[in-house]
Each structure stands twice: as C-alpha cells, then as structure tokens.
C-alpha cells in the first residue's frame, strides 16, 4: 500500500470510529483530524470534507456488497435457486460481520433521508433490488419458491439481515447477544435460513435444497 492509500485509510478509519461514537452529524472535521493525528487541510485534500468521507464510506461498503451478489448469481447459474439465495445470504452476512463497524455506520446513515442517500438508492439499491428480484422471480417461475410479493420479501429480508449491525448496542446491552462474535453470527444465520425455508419454500421441498 503506497503512502497516499495509507493516509486515506488512516483518515477514514479515524472518521469511521468517530462517526460510530458520535454520529455523522455530531462529528466535526476537527475531531476527525485529532483522532487521525492529522491537520484539517490534509482531510480536505483527500476527501474534500466530511461529505466526501460519507460518500467514500458508502462506496467502500456497497461496491463489494453488490459484487458478492453478482458473483453468487454467476456461481449458481445452473444450480437450484434456493441454494443460490442461501449462499448470497451467507456471503453477505459474513461480509458485514468482517466489516462490522462500517456496516453499522452505513446502515444507520441510509435510514436518514439526505441527498447522498437518494443517490445511493438510485445506484446501489436499485442494482441490489434487480439482482435479488431476479433470484426470487426465477425461483417462482421454476416453482422452487412459493408465489410471494417480491418487494415485501426483499424488504423483510433486508430488515433481518441488517438487524445485528443496526441494533448491536441493544442486543449486547439488553440481551447479552454479541453479533461481533462468530458464534452468535452463525446462530443468527441459521435463523435466517429457517425463515427462508418457512416463508419461501413448500414444506416438501425444504429437504431437497439443504443449507449452505
């Protein structure tokens, strides 16, 4: 990694830590500069201010996120749809777990209406919708999956998949469930697969598809 990338990553890591503690709106560039042990002008040079850091966070998170879905579709092109869907879920949950702090920040910020969030919806969310919709519609056409309202199912699925990252403080402080730990993540993934089987699959077909 060259010096430019090292500097950018150091700034971004400091910013992400501050954002997660104080929120994006509650964090100043000076606080980020102090945390990164750099001056404000350096941050402005690399990111053009706090807005640039937010945009960088979204790109850093959603580019690999979308790639995971696309790669999974190619890998499972000739395999059962349910196996593909479960694989996608498994890979996305692992990705979010491996980038826990970034995942928590991004999902929290996209719940707030802003211009950059609308831009994100236009690009990444529409792409995600198209890919997930294609999986479900293919499964319904082949009768591997029940006939369902695709929009409702995708919305529910996203809610389930983002919960451990959006509500990590609640789950750890109230229930002593720590999704930052692999054990709890694996248990939670099992619950998602169970939800998929109960919601999308006819009972007699579940045993034929298996889990990923």
Protein backbone atom coordinates (compact mmCIF):
# COMPACT_ATOMS: atom_id res chain seq x y z
CA UNK A 1 0.00 0.00 0.00
CA UNK A 2 1.51 3.35 -1.04
CA UNK A 3 1.65 6.41 1.22
CA UNK A 4 -1.41 8.04 -0.34
CA UNK A 5 -3.59 4.99 0.32
CA UNK A 6 -2.16 4.60 3.82
CA UNK A 7 -3.02 8.21 4.61
CA UNK A 8 -6.55 7.89 3.22
CA UNK A 9 -7.18 4.69 5.14
CA UNK A 10 -5.85 6.21 8.36
CA UNK A 11 -8.18 9.19 7.98
CA UNK A 12 -11.14 7.01 7.07
CA UNK A 13 -10.56 4.62 9.96
CA UNK A 14 -10.44 7.53 12.40
CA UNK A 15 -13.55 9.08 10.84
CA UNK A 16 -15.47 5.81 10.99
CA UNK A 17 -14.65 5.39 14.66
CA UNK A 18 -15.80 8.94 15.44
CA UNK A 19 -18.96 8.56 13.34
CA UNK A 20 -19.92 5.37 15.18
CA UNK A 21 -19.46 7.02 18.57
CA UNK A 22 -20.94 10.47 17.90
CA UNK A 23 -22.92 10.01 14.70
CA UNK A 24 -22.14 11.60 11.36
CA UNK A 25 -23.91 14.88 12.14
CA UNK A 26 -22.36 15.08 15.61
CA UNK A 27 -18.78 14.68 14.39
CA UNK A 28 -16.67 17.59 13.22
CA UNK A 29 -13.74 17.56 10.82
CA UNK A 30 -11.52 18.83 13.64
CA UNK A 31 -12.44 15.84 15.78
CA UNK A 32 -11.59 13.50 12.91
CA UNK A 33 -8.30 15.33 12.35
CA UNK A 34 -7.42 14.96 16.03
CA UNK A 35 -8.31 11.25 16.04
CA UNK A 36 -6.23 10.69 12.89
CA UNK A 37 -3.38 12.86 14.22
CA UNK A 38 -3.52 14.99 11.08
CA UNK A 39 -4.49 18.53 10.22
CA UNK A 40 -7.82 19.56 8.74
CA UNK A 41 -6.28 20.59 5.42
CA UNK A 42 -4.99 17.04 4.85
CA UNK A 43 -8.50 15.64 5.26
CA UNK A 44 -9.87 18.29 2.90
CA UNK A 45 -7.20 17.40 0.36
CA UNK A 46 -8.07 13.69 0.31
CA UNK A 47 -11.83 13.80 0.89
CA UNK A 48 -13.00 17.39 0.26
CA UNK A 49 -14.57 17.49 3.70
CA UNK A 50 -16.94 15.38 5.77
CA UNK A 51 -19.37 14.80 2.91
CA UNK A 52 -16.56 13.17 0.94
CA UNK A 53 -15.90 10.79 3.83
CA UNK A 54 -19.55 9.77 3.89
CA UNK A 55 -19.53 9.13 0.15
CA UNK A 56 -16.31 7.14 0.49
CA UNK A 57 -17.94 5.02 3.22
CA UNK A 58 -20.91 4.21 1.00
CA UNK A 59 -18.72 3.29 -1.97
CA UNK A 60 -16.36 1.22 0.20
CA UNK A 61 -19.30 -0.73 1.58
CA UNK A 62 -21.64 -1.15 -1.38
CA UNK A 63 -19.19 -1.95 -4.17
CA UNK A 64 -18.09 -5.27 -2.59
CA UNK A 65 -21.66 -5.87 -1.34
CA UNK A 66 -23.10 -5.75 -4.86
CA UNK A 67 -20.17 -7.76 -6.25
CA UNK A 68 -20.96 -10.56 -3.79
CA UNK A 69 -24.49 -10.88 -5.15
CA UNK A 70 -23.36 -10.72 -8.79
CA UNK A 71 -20.61 -13.31 -8.27
CA UNK A 72 -23.02 -15.61 -6.44
CA UNK A 73 -25.50 -15.47 -9.31
CA UNK A 74 -22.78 -16.48 -11.76
CA UNK A 75 -21.53 -19.26 -9.49
CA UNK A 76 -25.02 -20.74 -9.03
CA UNK A 77 -26.32 -20.03 -12.53
CA UNK A 78 -27.14 -23.69 -13.21
CA UNK A 79 -27.91 -24.73 -9.64
CA UNK A 80 -31.14 -24.62 -7.57
CA UNK A 81 -32.39 -21.11 -6.86
CA UNK A 82 -32.80 -21.75 -3.14
CA UNK A 83 -29.16 -22.82 -2.86
CA UNK A 84 -28.16 -19.59 -4.60
CA UNK A 85 -30.30 -17.45 -2.30
CA UNK A 86 -28.92 -19.10 0.83
CA UNK A 87 -25.38 -18.71 -0.45
CA UNK A 88 -25.96 -15.00 -1.12
CA UNK A 89 -27.29 -14.52 2.40
CA UNK A 90 -24.38 -16.40 3.93
CA UNK A 91 -21.80 -14.39 1.98
CA UNK A 92 -23.45 -11.03 2.71
CA UNK A 93 -23.70 -11.77 6.42
CA UNK A 94 -20.05 -12.80 6.52
CA UNK A 95 -19.06 -9.64 4.66
CA UNK A 96 -20.95 -7.42 7.09
CA UNK A 97 -19.51 -9.29 10.06
CA UNK A 98 -15.97 -8.84 8.72
CA UNK A 99 -16.67 -5.11 8.29
CA UNK A 100 -18.80 -4.67 11.39
CA UNK A 101 -18.05 -1.03 12.17
CA UNK A 102 -18.52 0.06 8.57
CA UNK A 103 -21.74 -1.96 8.23
CA UNK A 104 -23.24 -0.46 11.37
CA UNK A 105 -22.44 3.07 10.25
CA UNK A 106 -23.66 2.67 6.67
CA UNK A 107 -26.98 1.02 7.54
CA UNK A 108 -27.65 3.68 10.14
CA UNK A 109 -26.92 6.53 7.73
CA UNK A 110 -29.01 5.17 4.85
CA UNK A 111 -32.04 5.25 7.15
CA UNK A 112 -31.80 9.06 7.17
CA UNK A 113 -33.21 10.97 4.20
CA UNK A 114 -30.50 13.02 2.50
CA UNK A 115 -29.26 13.81 -0.99
CA UNK A 116 -26.38 11.35 -0.82
CA UNK A 117 -28.71 8.60 0.43
CA UNK A 118 -31.03 9.25 -2.50
CA UNK A 119 -28.05 8.98 -4.84
CA UNK A 120 -27.11 5.69 -3.17
CA UNK A 121 -30.64 4.38 -3.67
CA UNK A 122 -30.51 5.32 -7.34
CA UNK A 123 -27.31 3.36 -7.90
CA UNK A 124 -26.63 0.58 -5.41
CA UNK A 125 -30.11 -0.10 -4.02
CA UNK A 126 -31.70 -0.34 -7.44
CA UNK A 127 -28.96 -2.73 -8.50
CA UNK A 128 -29.48 -4.80 -5.36
CA UNK A 129 -33.23 -4.86 -5.95
CA UNK A 130 -32.76 -6.04 -9.53
CA UNK A 131 -30.39 -8.86 -8.51
CA UNK A 132 -32.44 -10.14 -5.58
CA UNK A 133 -35.65 -9.80 -7.56
CA UNK A 134 -34.17 -11.89 -10.37
CA UNK A 135 -33.36 -14.69 -7.91
CA UNK A 136 -36.86 -14.75 -6.44
CA UNK A 137 -38.65 -14.49 -9.77
CA UNK A 138 -36.55 -17.29 -11.23
CA UNK A 139 -37.42 -19.46 -8.24
CA UNK A 140 -41.13 -18.73 -8.53
CA UNK A 141 -41.08 -19.43 -12.26
CA UNK A 142 -39.41 -22.82 -11.72
CA UNK A 143 -41.78 -23.47 -8.78
CA UNK A 144 -38.85 -23.88 -6.39
CA UNK A 145 -40.26 -20.99 -4.37
CA UNK A 146 -43.77 -20.02 -3.35
CA UNK A 147 -45.57 -17.22 -5.13
CA UNK A 148 -44.87 -14.16 -2.98
CA UNK A 149 -44.85 -10.38 -3.18
CA UNK A 150 -41.22 -9.82 -4.14
CA UNK A 151 -41.00 -6.29 -2.75
CA UNK A 152 -42.33 -7.34 0.65
CA UNK A 153 -40.00 -10.35 0.89
CA UNK A 154 -36.89 -8.39 -0.09
CA UNK A 155 -37.77 -5.63 2.38
CA UNK A 156 -38.27 -8.17 5.17
CA UNK A 157 -35.07 -9.99 4.27
CA UNK A 158 -33.03 -6.79 4.33
CA UNK A 159 -34.51 -5.90 7.71
CA UNK A 160 -33.49 -9.28 9.11
CA UNK A 161 -30.01 -9.12 7.61
CA UNK A 162 -29.23 -5.61 8.86
CA UNK A 163 -30.65 -6.02 12.38
CA UNK A 164 -27.46 -7.33 14.07
CA UNK A 165 -25.50 -4.32 12.83
CA UNK A 166 -28.10 -1.61 13.33
CA UNK A 167 -29.08 -2.85 16.79
CA UNK A 168 -25.77 -4.17 18.11
CA UNK A 169 -25.86 -1.93 21.19
CA UNK A 170 -29.40 -3.01 22.08
CA UNK A 171 -28.71 -6.72 21.60
CA UNK A 172 -25.47 -6.63 23.60
CA UNK A 173 -26.62 -4.38 26.46
CA UNK A 174 -30.15 -5.76 26.90
CA UNK A 175 -29.84 -9.39 25.81
CA UNK A 176 -26.10 -10.11 26.10
CA UNK A 177 -26.08 -11.19 22.47
CA UNK A 178 -22.88 -10.09 20.75
CA UNK A 179 -23.11 -10.26 16.98
CA UNK A 180 -19.49 -9.10 16.79
CA UNK A 181 -18.66 -12.68 17.79
CA UNK A 182 -18.64 -15.54 15.27
CA UNK A 183 -20.73 -17.85 17.46
CA UNK A 184 -23.71 -15.51 17.57
CA UNK A 185 -23.39 -14.69 13.89
CA UNK A 186 -23.58 -18.37 12.93
CA UNK A 187 -26.64 -18.87 15.12
CA UNK A 188 -28.30 -15.86 13.55
CA UNK A 189 -27.57 -17.09 10.03
CA UNK A 190 -29.29 -20.35 10.95
CA UNK A 191 -32.38 -18.36 11.96
CA UNK A 192 -32.37 -16.53 8.63
CA UNK A 193 -32.20 -19.81 6.71
CA UNK A 194 -35.06 -21.15 8.83
CA UNK A 195 -37.08 -18.03 7.96
CA UNK A 196 -36.33 -18.54 4.26
CA UNK A 197 -37.46 -22.17 4.38
CA UNK A 198 -40.69 -21.32 6.20
CA UNK A 199 -41.50 -18.26 4.13
CA UNK A 200 -40.49 -19.19 0.59
CA UNK A 201 -40.44 -22.97 0.32
CA UNK A 202 -43.19 -25.56 0.27
CA UNK A 203 -42.60 -27.98 3.16
CA UNK A 204 -41.89 -31.00 0.96
CA UNK A 205 -39.20 -29.09 -0.96
CA UNK A 206 -37.10 -27.96 2.02
CA UNK A 207 -35.23 -31.25 2.45
CA UNK A 208 -34.30 -31.25 -1.23
CA UNK A 209 -32.42 -27.95 -1.12
CA UNK A 210 -30.36 -28.13 2.05
CA UNK A 211 -28.47 -25.31 3.73
CA UNK A 212 -25.33 -23.57 2.54
